[in-house]
Amino acid sequence: MTDKIALFDFDGTLTRHDSFLTFGRFAAGTRRLLIAAVRSLPHIIGWKLRIIPGGKAKETLFGHLYRGWSQREWQEKCRAFAAKIDTDLRDDIVRKLRQHQQQGHSTVIVTASPADWVKPWALGAGIDKVIGTEVEIGPDGCLTGRFATPNCHGAEKVTRTLSAIPGLRECETWGYGDSLSDTPLLSLTTHPLIV
């Protein structure tokens, strides 16, 4: 890691759409995604009414989609999804990413999406590190439908980033995000930008 680091949100910043839903359609199919959304509706409504945290609603939907999948099947779908990400990229932000890389800056994605489906694309794109929500694998080698870490969103992005990059505050940093939930992460950076 260099002393010049560019931090990028993923969904809506590097990509045009939320990859949680795009991956759901790709990996599980539209029908299963719709059924999981209906089953998760009480949690989604609770989140919209600010009764329950967004991360809990997201985890509930995640569980309805992927609980019981083998780790091997999950990883295969995540790797296959990398090509789909290429079709949903924002050219303007990818240009900024490439500029940082050409200048020798370290590049890091900090995302609320499960890191497993972002990492294969990031590896091919020359990204140095991906910090994201981690999924829980049970002792049977299958997804439990729960997250192994808190949802990497809002203030949790700050916690996870400082843990993964301890010397971050001593570096010159750039931050790119597209929403108010990215503000805590951007506040860490020398050069924040809402895009």
N, C-alpha and C. Protein backbone atom coordinates (compact mmCIF):
# COMPACT_ATOMS: atom_id res chain seq x y z
N MET A 1 0.86 -1.18 0.00
CA MET A 1 0.00 0.00 0.00
C MET A 1 0.90 1.24 0.00
N THR A 2 0.64 2.17 -0.90
CA THR A 2 1.42 3.40 -0.96
C THR A 2 0.90 4.42 0.04
N ASP A 3 1.53 5.59 0.10
CA ASP A 3 1.04 6.64 1.00
C ASP A 3 0.06 7.57 0.29
N LYS A 4 -0.35 7.18 -0.92
CA LYS A 4 -1.40 7.88 -1.66
C LYS A 4 -2.46 6.84 -2.03
N ILE A 5 -3.66 7.01 -1.49
CA ILE A 5 -4.69 5.96 -1.59
C ILE A 5 -6.01 6.57 -2.04
N ALA A 6 -6.61 5.93 -3.04
CA ALA A 6 -7.93 6.35 -3.52
C ALA A 6 -8.96 5.30 -3.08
N LEU A 7 -9.98 5.76 -2.35
CA LEU A 7 -11.05 4.90 -1.85
C LEU A 7 -12.29 5.11 -2.70
N PHE A 8 -12.86 4.02 -3.19
CA PHE A 8 -14.04 4.09 -4.04
C PHE A 8 -15.19 3.29 -3.44
N ASP A 9 -16.34 3.92 -3.30
CA ASP A 9 -17.57 3.17 -3.09
C ASP A 9 -17.80 2.38 -4.38
N PHE A 10 -18.60 1.34 -4.31
CA PHE A 10 -18.81 0.50 -5.49
C PHE A 10 -20.16 0.77 -6.14
N ASP A 11 -21.25 0.43 -5.45
CA ASP A 11 -22.60 0.53 -6.02
C ASP A 11 -23.01 1.98 -6.22
N GLY A 12 -23.27 2.35 -7.46
CA GLY A 12 -23.68 3.70 -7.78
C GLY A 12 -22.52 4.65 -7.99
N THR A 13 -21.32 4.23 -7.63
CA THR A 13 -20.13 5.06 -7.83
C THR A 13 -19.32 4.50 -8.99
N LEU A 14 -18.74 3.32 -8.82
CA LEU A 14 -18.07 2.66 -9.95
C LEU A 14 -19.08 2.03 -10.91
N THR A 15 -20.20 1.56 -10.35
CA THR A 15 -21.26 0.98 -11.20
C THR A 15 -22.45 1.92 -11.28
N ARG A 16 -23.29 1.70 -12.29
CA ARG A 16 -24.48 2.53 -12.45
C ARG A 16 -25.64 2.05 -11.57
N HIS A 17 -25.64 0.77 -11.22
CA HIS A 17 -26.75 0.18 -10.47
C HIS A 17 -26.25 -0.49 -9.20
N ASP A 18 -27.19 -0.85 -8.34
CA ASP A 18 -26.89 -1.58 -7.11
C ASP A 18 -26.58 -3.03 -7.47
N SER A 19 -25.37 -3.48 -7.19
CA SER A 19 -24.99 -4.83 -7.59
C SER A 19 -25.69 -5.91 -6.77
N PHE A 20 -26.26 -5.56 -5.61
CA PHE A 20 -26.97 -6.56 -4.81
C PHE A 20 -28.12 -7.16 -5.62
N LEU A 21 -28.90 -6.30 -6.26
CA LEU A 21 -30.03 -6.77 -7.06
C LEU A 21 -29.58 -7.38 -8.38
N THR A 22 -28.56 -6.75 -9.00
CA THR A 22 -28.04 -7.28 -10.27
C THR A 22 -27.47 -8.68 -10.06
N PHE A 23 -26.71 -8.86 -8.98
CA PHE A 23 -26.17 -10.19 -8.70
C PHE A 23 -27.29 -11.17 -8.38
N GLY A 24 -28.29 -10.72 -7.64
CA GLY A 24 -29.41 -11.60 -7.30
C GLY A 24 -30.10 -12.15 -8.54
N ARG A 25 -30.35 -11.28 -9.52
CA ARG A 25 -30.97 -11.74 -10.78
C ARG A 25 -30.04 -12.69 -11.52
N PHE A 26 -28.75 -12.37 -11.53
CA PHE A 26 -27.78 -13.19 -12.24
C PHE A 26 -27.61 -14.56 -11.59
N ALA A 27 -27.43 -14.57 -10.28
CA ALA A 27 -27.09 -15.81 -9.57
C ALA A 27 -28.30 -16.69 -9.26
N ALA A 28 -29.39 -16.06 -8.84
CA ALA A 28 -30.55 -16.83 -8.38
C ALA A 28 -31.72 -16.80 -9.37
N GLY A 29 -31.71 -15.85 -10.28
CA GLY A 29 -32.81 -15.72 -11.23
C GLY A 29 -33.85 -14.73 -10.75
N THR A 30 -34.54 -14.13 -11.70
CA THR A 30 -35.53 -13.09 -11.39
C THR A 30 -36.66 -13.64 -10.52
N ARG A 31 -37.14 -14.84 -10.84
CA ARG A 31 -38.26 -15.42 -10.09
C ARG A 31 -37.90 -15.61 -8.61
N ARG A 32 -36.73 -16.20 -8.37
CA ARG A 32 -36.30 -16.43 -6.98
C ARG A 32 -36.05 -15.11 -6.26
N LEU A 33 -35.52 -14.12 -6.98
CA LEU A 33 -35.29 -12.81 -6.38
C LEU A 33 -36.61 -12.18 -5.95
N LEU A 34 -37.62 -12.28 -6.81
CA LEU A 34 -38.94 -11.72 -6.47
C LEU A 34 -39.57 -12.43 -5.28
N ILE A 35 -39.47 -13.75 -5.26
CA ILE A 35 -40.02 -14.53 -4.14
C ILE A 35 -39.30 -14.14 -2.84
N ALA A 36 -37.97 -14.02 -2.90
CA ALA A 36 -37.19 -13.64 -1.71
C ALA A 36 -37.58 -12.23 -1.26
N ALA A 37 -37.81 -11.33 -2.21
CA ALA A 37 -38.19 -9.96 -1.86
C ALA A 37 -39.55 -9.94 -1.16
N VAL A 38 -40.49 -10.75 -1.66
CA VAL A 38 -41.82 -10.82 -1.02
C VAL A 38 -41.70 -11.38 0.40
N ARG A 39 -40.90 -12.43 0.55
CA ARG A 39 -40.72 -13.03 1.88
C ARG A 39 -40.02 -12.07 2.85
N SER A 40 -39.22 -11.16 2.29
CA SER A 40 -38.48 -10.20 3.11
C SER A 40 -39.24 -8.90 3.32
N LEU A 41 -40.42 -8.78 2.73
CA LEU A 41 -41.16 -7.53 2.73
C LEU A 41 -41.36 -6.92 4.12
N PRO A 42 -41.71 -7.69 5.15
CA PRO A 42 -41.86 -7.06 6.48
C PRO A 42 -40.58 -6.36 6.94
N HIS A 43 -39.41 -6.96 6.67
CA HIS A 43 -38.15 -6.33 7.06
C HIS A 43 -37.85 -5.11 6.19
N ILE A 44 -38.17 -5.20 4.91
CA ILE A 44 -37.93 -4.07 4.01
C ILE A 44 -38.80 -2.89 4.42
N ILE A 45 -40.07 -3.16 4.74
CA ILE A 45 -40.97 -2.09 5.20
C ILE A 45 -40.47 -1.51 6.52
N GLY A 46 -40.04 -2.38 7.43
CA GLY A 46 -39.50 -1.92 8.71
C GLY A 46 -38.29 -1.02 8.53
N TRP A 47 -37.44 -1.37 7.55
CA TRP A 47 -36.27 -0.54 7.24
C TRP A 47 -36.70 0.82 6.69
N LYS A 48 -37.66 0.81 5.75
CA LYS A 48 -38.13 2.06 5.16
C LYS A 48 -38.79 2.96 6.20
N LEU A 49 -39.43 2.34 7.19
CA LEU A 49 -40.06 3.10 8.27
C LEU A 49 -39.06 3.43 9.39
N ARG A 50 -37.82 3.03 9.20
CA ARG A 50 -36.74 3.27 10.17
C ARG A 50 -36.97 2.57 11.51
N ILE A 51 -37.67 1.44 11.45
CA ILE A 51 -37.91 0.64 12.64
C ILE A 51 -36.77 -0.37 12.86
N ILE A 52 -36.23 -0.88 11.75
CA ILE A 52 -35.10 -1.80 11.83
C ILE A 52 -33.97 -1.28 10.94
N PRO A 53 -32.72 -1.64 11.24
CA PRO A 53 -31.59 -1.17 10.43
C PRO A 53 -31.63 -1.76 9.02
N GLY A 54 -31.12 -0.99 8.07
CA GLY A 54 -31.07 -1.45 6.68
C GLY A 54 -30.27 -2.72 6.53
N GLY A 55 -29.21 -2.85 7.32
CA GLY A 55 -28.38 -4.05 7.24
C GLY A 55 -29.14 -5.31 7.60
N LYS A 56 -30.08 -5.20 8.54
CA LYS A 56 -30.89 -6.37 8.93
C LYS A 56 -31.85 -6.76 7.81
N ALA A 57 -32.46 -5.76 7.16
CA ALA A 57 -33.34 -6.04 6.03
C ALA A 57 -32.56 -6.69 4.89
N LYS A 58 -31.39 -6.17 4.63
CA LYS A 58 -30.54 -6.70 3.57
C LYS A 58 -30.12 -8.14 3.87
N GLU A 59 -29.75 -8.40 5.14
CA GLU A 59 -29.35 -9.75 5.53
C GLU A 59 -30.52 -10.73 5.40
N THR A 60 -31.72 -10.27 5.72
CA THR A 60 -32.91 -11.12 5.58
C THR A 60 -33.12 -11.51 4.12
N LEU A 61 -33.05 -10.53 3.22
CA LEU A 61 -33.19 -10.81 1.79
C LEU A 61 -32.06 -11.73 1.32
N PHE A 62 -30.85 -11.47 1.77
CA PHE A 62 -29.71 -12.31 1.42
C PHE A 62 -29.96 -13.76 1.85
N GLY A 63 -30.46 -13.93 3.07
CA GLY A 63 -30.73 -15.28 3.57
C GLY A 63 -31.77 -16.02 2.76
N HIS A 64 -32.84 -15.30 2.37
CA HIS A 64 -33.88 -15.94 1.55
C HIS A 64 -33.35 -16.33 0.17
N LEU A 65 -32.35 -15.62 -0.30
CA LEU A 65 -31.78 -15.93 -1.62
C LEU A 65 -30.74 -17.06 -1.58
N TYR A 66 -29.85 -17.04 -0.59
CA TYR A 66 -28.64 -17.88 -0.69
C TYR A 66 -28.43 -18.87 0.44
N ARG A 67 -29.27 -18.87 1.47
CA ARG A 67 -29.09 -19.83 2.57
C ARG A 67 -29.05 -21.25 2.01
N GLY A 68 -28.04 -22.01 2.42
CA GLY A 68 -27.93 -23.40 1.99
C GLY A 68 -27.08 -23.59 0.74
N TRP A 69 -26.70 -22.52 0.06
CA TRP A 69 -25.81 -22.68 -1.10
C TRP A 69 -24.46 -23.18 -0.62
N SER A 70 -23.83 -24.05 -1.39
CA SER A 70 -22.48 -24.49 -1.03
C SER A 70 -21.51 -23.34 -1.30
N GLN A 71 -20.45 -23.32 -0.54
CA GLN A 71 -19.44 -22.27 -0.73
C GLN A 71 -18.88 -22.34 -2.15
N ARG A 72 -18.72 -23.54 -2.68
CA ARG A 72 -18.19 -23.70 -4.05
C ARG A 72 -19.13 -23.08 -5.07
N GLU A 73 -20.43 -23.37 -4.96
CA GLU A 73 -21.42 -22.80 -5.89
C GLU A 73 -21.44 -21.27 -5.78
N TRP A 74 -21.41 -20.77 -4.56
CA TRP A 74 -21.40 -19.33 -4.30
C TRP A 74 -20.19 -18.67 -4.97
N GLN A 75 -19.00 -19.24 -4.74
CA GLN A 75 -17.78 -18.66 -5.31
C GLN A 75 -17.79 -18.72 -6.84
N GLU A 76 -18.31 -19.79 -7.41
CA GLU A 76 -18.39 -19.90 -8.87
C GLU A 76 -19.28 -18.79 -9.45
N LYS A 77 -20.43 -18.57 -8.81
CA LYS A 77 -21.33 -17.50 -9.27
C LYS A 77 -20.67 -16.13 -9.13
N CYS A 78 -19.96 -15.93 -8.02
CA CYS A 78 -19.27 -14.65 -7.80
C CYS A 78 -18.22 -14.40 -8.87
N ARG A 79 -17.45 -15.43 -9.21
CA ARG A 79 -16.42 -15.26 -10.26
C ARG A 79 -17.07 -15.00 -11.61
N ALA A 80 -18.14 -15.70 -11.92
CA ALA A 80 -18.81 -15.53 -13.21
C ALA A 80 -19.44 -14.14 -13.35
N PHE A 81 -19.78 -13.53 -12.23
CA PHE A 81 -20.44 -12.22 -12.24
C PHE A 81 -19.51 -11.09 -12.67
N ALA A 82 -18.21 -11.30 -12.62
CA ALA A 82 -17.24 -10.23 -12.94
C ALA A 82 -17.50 -9.63 -14.32
N ALA A 83 -17.82 -10.46 -15.30
CA ALA A 83 -18.08 -9.95 -16.66
C ALA A 83 -19.32 -9.07 -16.70
N LYS A 84 -20.31 -9.37 -15.87
CA LYS A 84 -21.54 -8.56 -15.80
C LYS A 84 -21.23 -7.17 -15.24
N ILE A 85 -20.30 -7.10 -14.31
CA ILE A 85 -19.92 -5.81 -13.73
C ILE A 85 -19.36 -4.90 -14.82
N ASP A 86 -18.57 -5.48 -15.72
CA ASP A 86 -17.98 -4.68 -16.80
C ASP A 86 -19.03 -3.95 -17.63
N THR A 87 -20.22 -4.51 -17.75
CA THR A 87 -21.27 -3.89 -18.58
C THR A 87 -22.03 -2.80 -17.83
N ASP A 88 -21.75 -2.62 -16.54
CA ASP A 88 -22.51 -1.67 -15.72
C ASP A 88 -21.63 -0.57 -15.13
N LEU A 89 -20.44 -0.41 -15.65
CA LEU A 89 -19.50 0.56 -15.08
C LEU A 89 -19.79 1.99 -15.53
N ARG A 90 -19.48 2.92 -14.67
CA ARG A 90 -19.56 4.35 -15.01
C ARG A 90 -18.21 4.77 -15.59
N ASP A 91 -18.21 5.12 -16.85
CA ASP A 91 -16.96 5.46 -17.54
C ASP A 91 -16.21 6.60 -16.87
N ASP A 92 -16.95 7.62 -16.39
CA ASP A 92 -16.28 8.78 -15.79
C ASP A 92 -15.50 8.41 -14.53
N ILE A 93 -16.06 7.51 -13.72
CA ILE A 93 -15.38 7.13 -12.47
C ILE A 93 -14.28 6.11 -12.75
N VAL A 94 -14.50 5.24 -13.72
CA VAL A 94 -13.43 4.30 -14.10
C VAL A 94 -12.22 5.08 -14.62
N ARG A 95 -12.46 6.18 -15.34
CA ARG A 95 -11.34 7.02 -15.78
C ARG A 95 -10.55 7.57 -14.59
N LYS A 96 -11.27 8.00 -13.54
CA LYS A 96 -10.59 8.49 -12.33
C LYS A 96 -9.79 7.36 -11.67
N LEU A 97 -10.38 6.16 -11.62
CA LEU A 97 -9.69 5.00 -11.08
C LEU A 97 -8.39 4.76 -11.84
N ARG A 98 -8.46 4.76 -13.17
CA ARG A 98 -7.28 4.51 -14.01
C ARG A 98 -6.23 5.60 -13.81
N GLN A 99 -6.66 6.84 -13.65
CA GLN A 99 -5.71 7.94 -13.41
C GLN A 99 -4.94 7.71 -12.12
N HIS A 100 -5.65 7.30 -11.07
CA HIS A 100 -4.97 7.00 -9.81
C HIS A 100 -3.97 5.87 -9.99
N GLN A 101 -4.37 4.83 -10.69
CA GLN A 101 -3.47 3.69 -10.90
C GLN A 101 -2.25 4.10 -11.71
N GLN A 102 -2.46 4.93 -12.74
CA GLN A 102 -1.33 5.39 -13.56
C GLN A 102 -0.36 6.23 -12.77
N GLN A 103 -0.85 6.92 -11.74
CA GLN A 103 0.01 7.75 -10.89
C GLN A 103 0.65 6.94 -9.76
N GLY A 104 0.39 5.65 -9.73
CA GLY A 104 0.99 4.78 -8.72
C GLY A 104 0.29 4.80 -7.38
N HIS A 105 -0.94 5.34 -7.33
CA HIS A 105 -1.69 5.37 -6.08
C HIS A 105 -2.30 3.99 -5.82
N SER A 106 -2.43 3.63 -4.56
CA SER A 106 -3.16 2.41 -4.20
C SER A 106 -4.66 2.68 -4.38
N THR A 107 -5.38 1.67 -4.83
CA THR A 107 -6.82 1.82 -5.04
C THR A 107 -7.56 0.77 -4.22
N VAL A 108 -8.62 1.24 -3.54
CA VAL A 108 -9.35 0.39 -2.60
C VAL A 108 -10.84 0.59 -2.84
N ILE A 109 -11.59 -0.50 -2.90
CA ILE A 109 -13.05 -0.44 -2.95
C ILE A 109 -13.57 -0.70 -1.54
N VAL A 110 -14.47 0.16 -1.08
CA VAL A 110 -15.12 -0.02 0.22
C VAL A 110 -16.62 -0.06 -0.06
N THR A 111 -17.21 -1.23 0.14
CA THR A 111 -18.58 -1.44 -0.32
C THR A 111 -19.45 -2.17 0.70
N ALA A 112 -20.74 -1.86 0.67
CA ALA A 112 -21.70 -2.61 1.48
C ALA A 112 -22.03 -3.96 0.85
N SER A 113 -21.72 -4.12 -0.42
CA SER A 113 -21.99 -5.40 -1.09
C SER A 113 -21.07 -6.49 -0.55
N PRO A 114 -21.52 -7.74 -0.63
CA PRO A 114 -20.61 -8.82 -0.25
C PRO A 114 -19.32 -8.76 -1.07
N ALA A 115 -18.19 -8.79 -0.37
CA ALA A 115 -16.89 -8.67 -1.03
C ALA A 115 -16.66 -9.79 -2.04
N ASP A 116 -17.28 -10.95 -1.83
CA ASP A 116 -17.03 -12.10 -2.68
C ASP A 116 -17.35 -11.84 -4.15
N TRP A 117 -18.39 -11.05 -4.44
CA TRP A 117 -18.67 -10.83 -5.86
C TRP A 117 -17.98 -9.59 -6.42
N VAL A 118 -17.40 -8.78 -5.55
CA VAL A 118 -16.65 -7.60 -6.02
C VAL A 118 -15.19 -7.98 -6.28
N LYS A 119 -14.62 -8.85 -5.46
CA LYS A 119 -13.19 -9.18 -5.56
C LYS A 119 -12.77 -9.75 -6.92
N PRO A 120 -13.52 -10.66 -7.54
CA PRO A 120 -13.06 -11.18 -8.83
C PRO A 120 -12.94 -10.07 -9.90
N TRP A 121 -13.90 -9.14 -9.91
CA TRP A 121 -13.80 -8.03 -10.85
C TRP A 121 -12.63 -7.13 -10.47
N ALA A 122 -12.49 -6.83 -9.18
CA ALA A 122 -11.43 -5.93 -8.71
C ALA A 122 -10.05 -6.48 -9.03
N LEU A 123 -9.88 -7.78 -8.91
CA LEU A 123 -8.60 -8.40 -9.22
C LEU A 123 -8.23 -8.13 -10.68
N GLY A 124 -9.18 -8.33 -11.57
CA GLY A 124 -8.94 -8.08 -12.99
C GLY A 124 -8.73 -6.61 -13.32
N ALA A 125 -9.27 -5.73 -12.46
CA ALA A 125 -9.16 -4.28 -12.69
C ALA A 125 -7.93 -3.68 -12.00
N GLY A 126 -7.12 -4.51 -11.36
CA GLY A 126 -5.91 -4.01 -10.72
C GLY A 126 -6.13 -3.28 -9.41
N ILE A 127 -7.28 -3.51 -8.77
CA ILE A 127 -7.59 -2.89 -7.47
C ILE A 127 -6.72 -3.56 -6.40
N ASP A 128 -6.19 -2.78 -5.49
CA ASP A 128 -5.30 -3.33 -4.47
C ASP A 128 -6.01 -4.04 -3.32
N LYS A 129 -7.21 -3.56 -2.98
CA LYS A 129 -7.91 -4.15 -1.82
C LYS A 129 -9.41 -3.93 -1.96
N VAL A 130 -10.18 -4.91 -1.49
CA VAL A 130 -11.64 -4.78 -1.41
C VAL A 130 -12.04 -4.97 0.04
N ILE A 131 -12.78 -4.00 0.56
CA ILE A 131 -13.33 -4.07 1.91
C ILE A 131 -14.85 -4.09 1.73
N GLY A 132 -15.50 -5.14 2.18
CA GLY A 132 -16.94 -5.24 1.99
C GLY A 132 -17.58 -6.11 3.05
N THR A 133 -18.86 -6.31 2.92
CA THR A 133 -19.60 -7.19 3.83
C THR A 133 -19.16 -8.62 3.56
N GLU A 134 -18.89 -9.36 4.62
CA GLU A 134 -18.45 -10.75 4.48
C GLU A 134 -19.61 -11.68 4.84
N VAL A 135 -19.73 -12.77 4.08
CA VAL A 135 -20.83 -13.71 4.31
C VAL A 135 -20.35 -14.83 5.22
N GLU A 136 -21.30 -15.39 5.98
CA GLU A 136 -20.97 -16.45 6.93
C GLU A 136 -21.11 -17.81 6.27
N ILE A 137 -20.08 -18.63 6.45
CA ILE A 137 -20.09 -20.01 5.97
C ILE A 137 -20.18 -20.93 7.18
N GLY A 138 -21.13 -21.83 7.16
CA GLY A 138 -21.32 -22.75 8.28
C GLY A 138 -20.30 -23.88 8.28
N PRO A 139 -20.26 -24.69 9.34
CA PRO A 139 -19.31 -25.80 9.42
C PRO A 139 -19.53 -26.85 8.34
N ASP A 140 -20.73 -26.85 7.73
CA ASP A 140 -21.01 -27.79 6.64
C ASP A 140 -20.52 -27.29 5.29
N GLY A 141 -19.89 -26.09 5.26
CA GLY A 141 -19.39 -25.54 4.00
C GLY A 141 -20.45 -24.83 3.18
N CYS A 142 -21.60 -24.55 3.80
CA CYS A 142 -22.70 -23.88 3.10
C CYS A 142 -22.96 -22.50 3.72
N LEU A 143 -23.53 -21.62 2.92
CA LEU A 143 -23.88 -20.29 3.40
C LEU A 143 -25.00 -20.41 4.42
N THR A 144 -24.86 -19.71 5.54
CA THR A 144 -25.89 -19.73 6.58
C THR A 144 -27.03 -18.76 6.26
N GLY A 145 -26.77 -17.83 5.33
CA GLY A 145 -27.75 -16.79 5.04
C GLY A 145 -27.55 -15.56 5.91
N ARG A 146 -26.50 -15.58 6.73
CA ARG A 146 -26.19 -14.44 7.59
C ARG A 146 -24.87 -13.81 7.14
N PHE A 147 -24.63 -12.59 7.63
CA PHE A 147 -23.36 -11.93 7.37
C PHE A 147 -22.39 -12.26 8.50
N ALA A 148 -21.13 -12.45 8.16
CA ALA A 148 -20.09 -12.72 9.15
C ALA A 148 -19.56 -11.43 9.77
N THR A 149 -19.82 -10.31 9.11
CA THR A 149 -19.42 -8.99 9.62
C THR A 149 -20.65 -8.09 9.58
N PRO A 150 -20.62 -6.98 10.29
CA PRO A 150 -21.72 -6.01 10.11
C PRO A 150 -21.76 -5.54 8.66
N ASN A 151 -22.94 -5.15 8.21
CA ASN A 151 -23.09 -4.60 6.86
C ASN A 151 -22.14 -3.41 6.71
N CYS A 152 -21.29 -3.42 5.71
CA CYS A 152 -20.25 -2.40 5.53
C CYS A 152 -20.86 -1.16 4.88
N HIS A 153 -21.57 -0.38 5.69
CA HIS A 153 -22.37 0.76 5.21
C HIS A 153 -22.22 1.89 6.21
N GLY A 154 -22.24 3.13 5.72
CA GLY A 154 -22.19 4.28 6.62
C GLY A 154 -20.96 4.28 7.50
N ALA A 155 -21.16 4.45 8.80
CA ALA A 155 -20.03 4.52 9.75
C ALA A 155 -19.23 3.22 9.79
N GLU A 156 -19.85 2.10 9.46
CA GLU A 156 -19.13 0.82 9.45
C GLU A 156 -18.01 0.83 8.40
N LYS A 157 -18.20 1.59 7.33
CA LYS A 157 -17.14 1.71 6.31
C LYS A 157 -15.88 2.32 6.93
N VAL A 158 -16.06 3.30 7.80
CA VAL A 158 -14.93 3.93 8.46
C VAL A 158 -14.21 2.92 9.36
N THR A 159 -14.98 2.22 10.18
CA THR A 159 -14.41 1.22 11.09
C THR A 159 -13.62 0.17 10.34
N ARG A 160 -14.22 -0.37 9.29
CA ARG A 160 -13.57 -1.44 8.53
C ARG A 160 -12.35 -0.94 7.77
N THR A 161 -12.42 0.28 7.23
CA THR A 161 -11.30 0.83 6.46
C THR A 161 -10.11 1.10 7.37
N LEU A 162 -10.35 1.72 8.52
CA LEU A 162 -9.25 2.00 9.45
C LEU A 162 -8.63 0.72 9.99
N SER A 163 -9.44 -0.32 10.13
CA SER A 163 -8.91 -1.62 10.57
C SER A 163 -8.05 -2.26 9.48
N ALA A 164 -8.49 -2.15 8.23
CA ALA A 164 -7.77 -2.78 7.11
C ALA A 164 -6.54 -1.99 6.69
N ILE A 165 -6.57 -0.66 6.91
CA ILE A 165 -5.46 0.21 6.51
C ILE A 165 -5.10 1.09 7.71
N PRO A 166 -4.36 0.55 8.68
CA PRO A 166 -4.10 1.27 9.93
C PRO A 166 -3.46 2.65 9.76
N GLY A 167 -2.59 2.84 8.77
CA GLY A 167 -1.91 4.12 8.60
C GLY A 167 -2.62 5.09 7.69
N LEU A 168 -3.88 4.85 7.44
CA LEU A 168 -4.62 5.66 6.46
C LEU A 168 -4.58 7.15 6.77
N ARG A 169 -4.72 7.51 8.03
CA ARG A 169 -4.79 8.93 8.41
C ARG A 169 -3.49 9.69 8.11
N GLU A 170 -2.40 8.98 7.94
CA GLU A 170 -1.12 9.63 7.62
C GLU A 170 -0.89 9.73 6.12
N CYS A 171 -1.82 9.22 5.33
CA CYS A 171 -1.67 9.20 3.87
C CYS A 171 -2.45 10.35 3.21
N GLU A 172 -2.06 10.68 1.98
CA GLU A 172 -2.90 11.55 1.17
C GLU A 172 -3.94 10.65 0.52
N THR A 173 -5.21 11.03 0.66
CA THR A 173 -6.28 10.13 0.23
C THR A 173 -7.33 10.86 -0.60
N TRP A 174 -7.92 10.09 -1.49
CA TRP A 174 -9.05 10.55 -2.30
C TRP A 174 -10.22 9.64 -1.98
N GLY A 175 -11.42 10.19 -1.97
CA GLY A 175 -12.60 9.39 -1.70
C GLY A 175 -13.69 9.69 -2.70
N TYR A 176 -14.31 8.64 -3.22
CA TYR A 176 -15.39 8.78 -4.20
C TYR A 176 -16.61 8.01 -3.71
N GLY A 177 -17.74 8.70 -3.64
CA GLY A 177 -18.99 8.08 -3.24
C GLY A 177 -20.14 8.76 -3.94
N ASP A 178 -21.33 8.16 -3.84
CA ASP A 178 -22.48 8.71 -4.57
C ASP A 178 -23.67 9.04 -3.68
N SER A 179 -23.54 8.81 -2.37
CA SER A 179 -24.71 9.03 -1.52
C SER A 179 -24.30 9.54 -0.14
N LEU A 180 -25.30 9.98 0.63
CA LEU A 180 -25.03 10.47 1.98
C LEU A 180 -24.43 9.38 2.87
N SER A 181 -24.76 8.12 2.59
CA SER A 181 -24.21 7.04 3.41
C SER A 181 -22.70 6.89 3.22
N ASP A 182 -22.16 7.51 2.16
CA ASP A 182 -20.71 7.48 1.94
C ASP A 182 -20.00 8.62 2.66
N THR A 183 -20.75 9.56 3.22
CA THR A 183 -20.16 10.74 3.85
C THR A 183 -19.18 10.38 4.97
N PRO A 184 -19.48 9.42 5.86
CA PRO A 184 -18.49 9.09 6.90
C PRO A 184 -17.16 8.64 6.31
N LEU A 185 -17.21 7.82 5.26
CA LEU A 185 -15.97 7.37 4.62
C LEU A 185 -15.25 8.54 3.96
N LEU A 186 -15.98 9.38 3.24
CA LEU A 186 -15.37 10.50 2.55
C LEU A 186 -14.75 11.49 3.54
N SER A 187 -15.32 11.57 4.74
CA SER A 187 -14.77 12.50 5.75
C SER A 187 -13.38 12.09 6.20
N LEU A 188 -13.00 10.84 5.96
CA LEU A 188 -11.65 10.36 6.29
C LEU A 188 -10.61 10.87 5.30
N THR A 189 -11.05 11.28 4.10
CA THR A 189 -10.11 11.51 3.01
C THR A 189 -9.69 12.97 2.87
N THR A 190 -8.54 13.15 2.28
CA THR A 190 -8.01 14.48 2.02
C THR A 190 -8.79 15.17 0.92
N HIS A 191 -9.20 14.39 -0.09
CA HIS A 191 -9.88 14.92 -1.27
C HIS A 191 -11.19 14.14 -1.50
N PRO A 192 -12.27 14.50 -0.78
CA PRO A 192 -13.54 13.77 -0.94
C PRO A 192 -14.33 14.30 -2.15
N LEU A 193 -15.07 13.40 -2.79
CA LEU A 193 -15.88 13.80 -3.93
C LEU A 193 -17.15 12.96 -3.99
N ILE A 194 -18.31 13.63 -3.94
CA ILE A 194 -19.58 12.95 -4.21
C ILE A 194 -19.80 13.03 -5.71
N VAL A 195 -20.06 11.91 -6.33
CA VAL A 195 -20.18 11.86 -7.80
C VAL A 195 -21.62 11.55 -8.23
